[in-house]
Amino acid sequence: MTGPIVTVTLNPAVDVTYRVDVLRPGETVRVPDVRSRAGGKGVNVAAVVRELGGESVVLALTTTRAPDEFRDGLDRLGLTHRLVPALPAVRRTVAVVTRADGTTMLQENGSPAAVTAEADVAAALEAELSAGAGAVVISGSVPGGLGADVPAKLVGLCGRYGVPVIADVSGAALREAAGSGAVLMPNEDELKELAGAGVEACRDLVAAGAPAVVATCGSDGAIAVTARDAWRARPAEVVTGNPAGAGDAGAAALALRLAAAGAVSEVDWRAALADVVATSAAAVLRPVAGEIDVAARARWVRAVQVERMR
């Protein structure tokens, strides 16, 4: 039995989802369906890990003030957590979902972290690694007050314990993490900004030191590249719904595969990529990020088309 999946969220959120019939800019829109939960990409990953039958721990920054809506939200979700008080407040994000227009996201940048945040997060992560983490997922944005290199530094800490780690970050943080030893998990836009488009860009990142790159491509599926092989997987069915959290669901599936294998080189990448695509698609069917349609995922994981790329 492997240890838990530890998810690191440096810029957590309280996620609010509004489902409305029509979004009319400049007008008053009544909201018949409102959902609010503790959020942030790592929280979504941890919640999906649990739905997939795994054990997870949310390691995140939180507010130094009371009441702590984010901590209370994690407790309501029943997620195990290790929190580092370092923010004046936890930001809020709003997803406005309509049947016709899809999802419109409104995201606050978040408050700057305290000067002690980096050292405190590293200490908290080391405690989890010492206790026997199976894999680590570092997700999302980096708040003000922390350097863009903090995710890469945390990857290095994981490496000293021999624990596989996924970096699902963007911008400057992704550039810093690119040679850190993490499995990189960019979306198409993040990949293009970092290294270019498609499988060749992924190969360049592997040649530069990434043990693997999994690039998610929305409705087109995903690409996985290692030093040995390159794979493309396409969804078994076209799905519509709420794409927020789809990439996080895929990261959860991959983290469990890494933890079970124990090392990137031991992963069955054909099966892992099928799992990433099926689990991501199953998340689109659910109205709130951090949830998946478990039955659909079980059906699709056997039907996803995976092909080796030259």
Protein backbone atom coordinates (compact mmCIF):
# COMPACT_ATOMS: atom_id res chain seq x y z
CA MET A 1 0.00 0.00 0.00
CA THR A 2 1.39 3.39 -0.99
CA GLY A 3 1.36 6.52 1.12
CA PRO A 4 -1.06 9.39 0.54
CA ILE A 5 -1.02 11.82 -2.36
CA VAL A 6 0.08 15.16 -0.93
CA THR A 7 -1.21 18.16 -2.84
CA VAL A 8 0.47 21.55 -2.43
CA THR A 9 -1.67 24.65 -2.95
CA LEU A 10 0.18 27.92 -2.44
CA ASN A 11 -2.71 30.15 -3.55
CA PRO A 12 -5.91 28.52 -2.24
CA ALA A 13 -9.40 29.80 -2.88
CA VAL A 14 -12.99 29.61 -1.84
CA ASP A 15 -14.69 28.55 -5.07
CA VAL A 16 -18.21 29.78 -5.80
CA THR A 17 -20.16 28.31 -8.71
CA TYR A 18 -23.22 30.11 -10.09
CA ARG A 19 -25.43 28.17 -12.50
CA VAL A 20 -27.73 30.50 -14.44
CA ASP A 21 -29.99 30.20 -17.46
CA VAL A 22 -28.41 33.09 -19.37
CA LEU A 23 -25.52 35.44 -18.60
CA ARG A 24 -26.36 38.98 -19.74
CA PRO A 25 -23.48 41.43 -19.17
CA GLY A 26 -24.69 44.78 -17.86
CA GLU A 27 -27.95 43.35 -16.50
CA THR A 28 -29.11 41.83 -13.22
CA VAL A 29 -28.99 38.04 -13.39
CA ARG A 30 -30.77 35.93 -10.78
CA VAL A 31 -28.85 32.87 -9.61
CA PRO A 32 -31.06 29.87 -8.79
CA ASP A 33 -28.18 27.48 -8.05
CA VAL A 34 -25.16 28.50 -5.91
CA ARG A 35 -22.43 26.21 -4.62
CA SER A 36 -19.45 27.18 -2.48
CA ARG A 37 -16.52 25.04 -1.37
CA ALA A 38 -12.87 25.17 -0.39
CA GLY A 39 -10.94 25.30 -3.62
CA GLY A 40 -7.69 25.72 -5.43
CA LYS A 41 -6.20 23.23 -7.85
CA GLY A 42 -4.57 21.09 -5.18
CA VAL A 43 -7.82 20.80 -3.26
CA ASN A 44 -9.53 19.59 -6.43
CA VAL A 45 -6.78 17.01 -6.94
CA ALA A 46 -7.08 15.77 -3.37
CA ALA A 47 -10.86 15.44 -3.63
CA VAL A 48 -10.63 13.41 -6.86
CA VAL A 49 -7.91 11.18 -5.39
CA ARG A 50 -10.36 10.30 -2.65
CA GLU A 51 -13.15 9.61 -5.18
CA LEU A 52 -10.74 7.24 -6.94
CA GLY A 53 -10.20 5.33 -3.71
CA GLY A 54 -6.88 6.87 -2.71
CA GLU A 55 -5.73 8.75 0.36
CA SER A 56 -4.84 12.42 0.11
CA VAL A 57 -3.50 15.27 2.23
CA VAL A 58 -4.08 18.93 1.37
CA LEU A 59 -1.02 21.05 2.21
CA ALA A 60 -1.95 24.68 1.67
CA LEU A 61 -1.50 28.22 2.83
CA THR A 62 -4.47 29.72 4.62
CA THR A 63 -5.48 32.93 6.37
CA THR A 64 -3.99 34.09 9.64
CA ARG A 65 -7.40 35.43 10.69
CA ALA A 66 -10.55 33.92 12.15
CA PRO A 67 -12.94 32.70 11.03
CA ASP A 68 -11.08 30.60 8.45
CA GLU A 69 -13.63 29.82 5.72
CA PHE A 70 -11.07 27.80 3.76
CA ARG A 71 -10.19 25.52 6.71
CA ASP A 72 -13.88 25.10 7.52
CA GLY A 73 -14.55 24.20 3.89
CA LEU A 74 -11.89 21.49 3.91
CA ASP A 75 -13.44 20.08 7.08
CA ARG A 76 -16.85 19.99 5.42
CA LEU A 77 -15.34 18.14 2.46
CA GLY A 78 -13.75 15.66 4.88
CA LEU A 79 -10.29 16.21 3.41
CA THR A 80 -7.24 15.62 5.58
CA HIS A 81 -5.13 18.75 5.65
CA ARG A 82 -1.97 20.40 6.95
CA LEU A 83 -2.41 24.18 6.72
CA VAL A 84 0.14 26.98 6.99
CA PRO A 85 -1.38 30.31 8.17
CA ALA A 86 0.38 32.89 6.01
CA LEU A 87 -2.25 34.93 4.11
CA PRO A 88 -4.25 38.01 5.19
CA ALA A 89 -7.24 36.42 3.45
CA VAL A 90 -8.03 33.51 1.14
CA ARG A 91 -9.12 34.66 -2.31
CA ARG A 92 -12.44 33.82 -3.94
CA THR A 93 -13.09 32.56 -7.45
CA VAL A 94 -16.46 32.62 -9.21
CA ALA A 95 -17.51 30.28 -12.02
CA VAL A 96 -20.64 31.35 -13.88
CA VAL A 97 -22.04 28.37 -15.78
CA THR A 98 -24.70 28.54 -18.50
CA ARG A 99 -25.89 25.86 -20.87
CA ALA A 100 -25.44 28.07 -23.92
CA ASP A 101 -22.16 29.83 -23.13
CA GLY A 102 -20.31 27.34 -20.97
CA THR A 103 -18.24 28.55 -18.02
CA THR A 104 -17.04 32.10 -17.33
CA MET A 105 -14.34 32.26 -14.65
CA LEU A 106 -13.69 35.26 -12.39
CA GLN A 107 -10.49 34.79 -10.40
CA GLU A 108 -9.00 37.04 -7.74
CA ASN A 109 -5.19 37.19 -7.68
CA GLY A 110 -5.03 36.62 -3.94
CA SER A 111 -3.25 38.28 -1.03
CA PRO A 112 0.55 38.30 -0.65
CA ALA A 113 1.99 35.64 1.62
CA ALA A 114 3.96 36.33 4.80
CA VAL A 115 7.75 36.34 4.63
CA THR A 116 7.86 33.08 6.60
CA ALA A 117 5.58 31.23 4.16
CA GLU A 118 8.29 29.57 2.06
CA ALA A 119 10.15 28.10 5.02
CA ASP A 120 6.92 27.03 6.72
CA VAL A 121 5.58 25.29 3.62
CA ALA A 122 8.89 23.50 3.08
CA ALA A 123 8.85 22.29 6.69
CA ALA A 124 5.26 21.08 6.38
CA LEU A 125 6.04 19.24 3.15
CA GLU A 126 9.13 17.63 4.66
CA ALA A 127 6.99 16.35 7.52
CA GLU A 128 4.62 14.70 5.05
CA LEU A 129 7.52 13.25 3.02
CA SER A 130 9.08 11.86 6.19
CA ALA A 131 5.75 10.24 7.08
CA GLY A 132 5.73 8.37 3.74
CA ALA A 133 3.98 10.30 0.96
CA GLY A 134 3.27 8.24 -2.15
CA ALA A 135 3.45 11.18 -4.57
CA VAL A 136 3.20 14.96 -4.50
CA VAL A 137 1.22 17.29 -6.77
CA ILE A 138 2.16 20.98 -6.76
CA SER A 139 -0.67 22.89 -8.40
CA GLY A 140 -1.84 26.36 -9.24
CA SER A 141 -0.53 29.89 -9.02
CA VAL A 142 2.06 31.39 -6.68
CA PRO A 143 0.84 34.30 -4.51
CA GLY A 144 2.69 37.54 -4.08
CA GLY A 145 5.37 37.37 -1.42
CA LEU A 146 6.66 34.05 -2.75
CA GLY A 147 9.15 33.67 -5.59
CA ALA A 148 8.28 31.88 -8.80
CA ASP A 149 11.00 29.36 -7.93
CA VAL A 150 9.23 28.07 -4.81
CA PRO A 151 7.48 25.15 -6.61
CA ALA A 152 10.84 24.10 -8.11
CA LYS A 153 12.43 24.21 -4.65
CA LEU A 154 9.65 22.01 -3.28
CA VAL A 155 10.21 19.58 -6.17
CA GLY A 156 13.87 19.39 -5.15
CA LEU A 157 12.82 18.55 -1.59
CA CYS A 158 10.65 15.70 -2.90
CA GLY A 159 13.59 14.43 -4.92
CA ARG A 160 15.71 14.10 -1.80
CA TYR A 161 13.09 11.69 -0.45
CA GLY A 162 12.70 9.83 -3.75
CA VAL A 163 9.03 10.77 -4.01
CA PRO A 164 7.64 11.37 -7.53
CA VAL A 165 6.10 14.80 -8.06
CA ILE A 166 3.84 16.49 -10.62
CA ALA A 167 4.17 20.22 -11.27
CA ASP A 168 0.91 21.64 -12.62
CA VAL A 169 1.92 25.30 -12.55
CA SER A 170 2.15 28.05 -15.16
CA GLY A 171 4.11 31.08 -16.33
CA ALA A 172 7.35 31.84 -14.52
CA ALA A 173 6.74 29.02 -12.02
CA LEU A 174 6.50 26.51 -14.88
CA ARG A 175 9.74 27.81 -16.40
CA GLU A 176 11.47 27.39 -13.04
CA ALA A 177 10.04 23.89 -12.59
CA ALA A 178 10.91 22.71 -16.10
CA GLY A 179 14.32 21.34 -15.12
CA SER A 180 13.58 20.51 -11.51
CA GLY A 181 12.84 16.80 -11.88
CA ALA A 182 9.05 17.06 -11.79
CA VAL A 183 6.62 15.50 -14.24
CA LEU A 184 5.27 18.57 -16.00
CA MET A 185 1.54 18.82 -16.71
CA PRO A 186 0.86 21.96 -18.79
CA ASN A 187 -2.19 22.66 -20.90
CA GLU A 188 -1.79 23.59 -24.56
CA ASP A 189 -1.44 27.32 -23.93
CA GLU A 190 1.07 26.84 -21.10
CA LEU A 191 3.11 24.42 -23.21
CA LYS A 192 3.17 26.83 -26.14
CA GLU A 193 4.31 29.70 -23.93
CA LEU A 194 7.05 27.58 -22.39
CA ALA A 195 8.48 25.55 -25.25
CA GLY A 196 6.29 25.59 -28.35
CA ALA A 197 3.47 23.38 -29.56
CA GLY A 198 2.85 19.66 -29.72
CA VAL A 199 4.92 16.57 -29.15
CA GLU A 200 8.20 18.13 -30.24
CA ALA A 201 7.92 20.78 -27.51
CA CYS A 202 7.32 18.00 -24.98
CA ARG A 203 10.37 16.14 -26.27
CA ASP A 204 12.47 19.27 -25.87
CA LEU A 205 11.39 19.55 -22.23
CA VAL A 206 12.24 15.89 -21.59
CA ALA A 207 15.62 16.40 -23.22
CA ALA A 208 16.14 19.37 -20.88
CA GLY A 209 15.57 17.21 -17.81
CA ALA A 210 11.86 16.62 -17.22
CA PRO A 211 11.29 12.89 -16.55
CA ALA A 212 7.95 13.13 -18.38
CA VAL A 213 5.57 15.70 -19.81
CA VAL A 214 1.81 15.25 -19.96
CA ALA A 215 0.23 18.01 -22.04
CA THR A 216 -3.55 18.25 -21.74
CA CYS A 217 -5.38 19.31 -24.90
CA GLY A 218 -8.97 19.82 -23.80
CA SER A 219 -11.48 17.94 -25.92
CA ASP A 220 -8.60 16.58 -28.03
CA GLY A 221 -7.27 14.53 -25.12
CA ALA A 222 -3.64 14.57 -24.01
CA ILE A 223 -0.05 13.79 -25.00
CA ALA A 224 2.51 12.02 -22.81
CA VAL A 225 6.22 12.08 -23.60
CA THR A 226 9.04 10.31 -21.75
CA ALA A 227 12.64 9.58 -22.68
CA ARG A 228 11.46 6.28 -24.19
CA ASP A 229 8.10 6.94 -25.86
CA ALA A 230 5.46 9.43 -26.87
CA TRP A 231 1.72 8.74 -26.70
CA ARG A 232 -1.47 10.51 -27.69
CA ALA A 233 -4.86 9.67 -26.18
CA ARG A 234 -8.24 10.89 -27.34
CA PRO A 235 -11.51 10.84 -25.35
CA ALA A 236 -13.88 7.94 -25.91
CA GLU A 237 -16.81 10.37 -26.26
CA VAL A 238 -17.38 14.06 -26.77
CA VAL A 239 -18.57 15.51 -23.46
CA THR A 240 -20.00 18.89 -22.53
CA GLY A 241 -20.34 20.51 -19.14
CA ASN A 242 -18.07 22.34 -16.72
CA PRO A 243 -14.37 22.01 -17.71
CA ALA A 244 -13.15 23.71 -14.52
CA GLY A 245 -11.20 21.08 -12.61
CA ALA A 246 -10.79 18.66 -15.54
CA GLY A 247 -7.02 19.06 -15.54
CA ASP A 248 -6.93 18.62 -11.77
CA ALA A 249 -8.85 15.36 -12.09
CA GLY A 250 -6.32 14.16 -14.65
CA ALA A 251 -3.50 15.08 -12.28
CA ALA A 252 -5.16 13.03 -9.53
CA ALA A 253 -5.31 9.98 -11.78
CA LEU A 254 -1.67 10.39 -12.79
CA ALA A 255 -0.52 10.92 -9.20
CA LEU A 256 -2.08 7.62 -8.15
CA ARG A 257 -0.33 5.89 -11.05
CA LEU A 258 3.01 7.42 -10.04
CA ALA A 259 2.53 6.44 -6.42
CA ALA A 260 1.66 2.86 -7.36
CA ALA A 261 4.66 2.55 -9.69
CA GLY A 262 7.07 4.24 -7.29
CA ALA A 263 9.03 5.93 -10.08
CA VAL A 264 8.33 7.64 -13.39
CA SER A 265 10.30 4.99 -15.28
CA GLU A 266 8.03 2.23 -13.95
CA VAL A 267 4.72 3.79 -15.05
CA ASP A 268 2.66 2.05 -17.74
CA TRP A 269 2.24 5.24 -19.74
CA ARG A 270 -0.30 3.88 -22.19
CA ALA A 271 -2.62 2.98 -19.33
CA ALA A 272 -1.78 6.11 -17.35
CA LEU A 273 -2.59 8.44 -20.24
CA ALA A 274 -5.90 6.67 -20.86
CA ASP A 275 -6.68 7.18 -17.18
CA VAL A 276 -5.77 10.88 -17.33
CA VAL A 277 -8.08 11.48 -20.31
CA ALA A 278 -10.98 9.40 -18.97
CA THR A 279 -10.82 10.98 -15.52
CA SER A 280 -10.59 14.50 -16.96
CA ALA A 281 -13.64 13.87 -19.14
CA ALA A 282 -15.53 12.45 -16.15
CA ALA A 283 -14.88 15.71 -14.29
CA VAL A 284 -16.53 17.74 -17.07
CA LEU A 285 -19.79 15.93 -16.37
CA ARG A 286 -19.91 17.20 -12.80
CA PRO A 287 -21.13 20.73 -11.96
CA VAL A 288 -18.36 21.52 -9.46
CA ALA A 289 -14.57 21.22 -9.74
CA GLY A 290 -13.13 18.47 -7.57
CA GLU A 291 -15.81 15.93 -8.48
CA ILE A 292 -15.98 13.23 -11.16
CA ASP A 293 -18.62 10.92 -12.57
CA VAL A 294 -17.07 7.70 -11.27
CA ALA A 295 -19.20 5.39 -13.43
CA ALA A 296 -18.38 7.30 -16.63
CA ARG A 297 -14.67 7.27 -15.79
CA ALA A 298 -14.73 3.49 -15.24
CA ARG A 299 -16.45 3.02 -18.58
CA TRP A 300 -14.20 5.37 -20.53
CA VAL A 301 -10.83 4.32 -19.12
CA ARG A 302 -11.13 1.08 -21.13
CA ALA A 303 -12.37 2.82 -24.26
CA VAL A 304 -9.93 5.73 -24.63
CA GLN A 305 -7.90 5.45 -27.83
CA VAL A 306 -4.16 5.62 -27.20
CA GLU A 307 -1.56 5.59 -29.98
CA ARG A 308 2.22 5.71 -29.96
CA MET A 309 3.62 8.77 -31.70
CA ARG A 310 6.76 8.84 -33.78
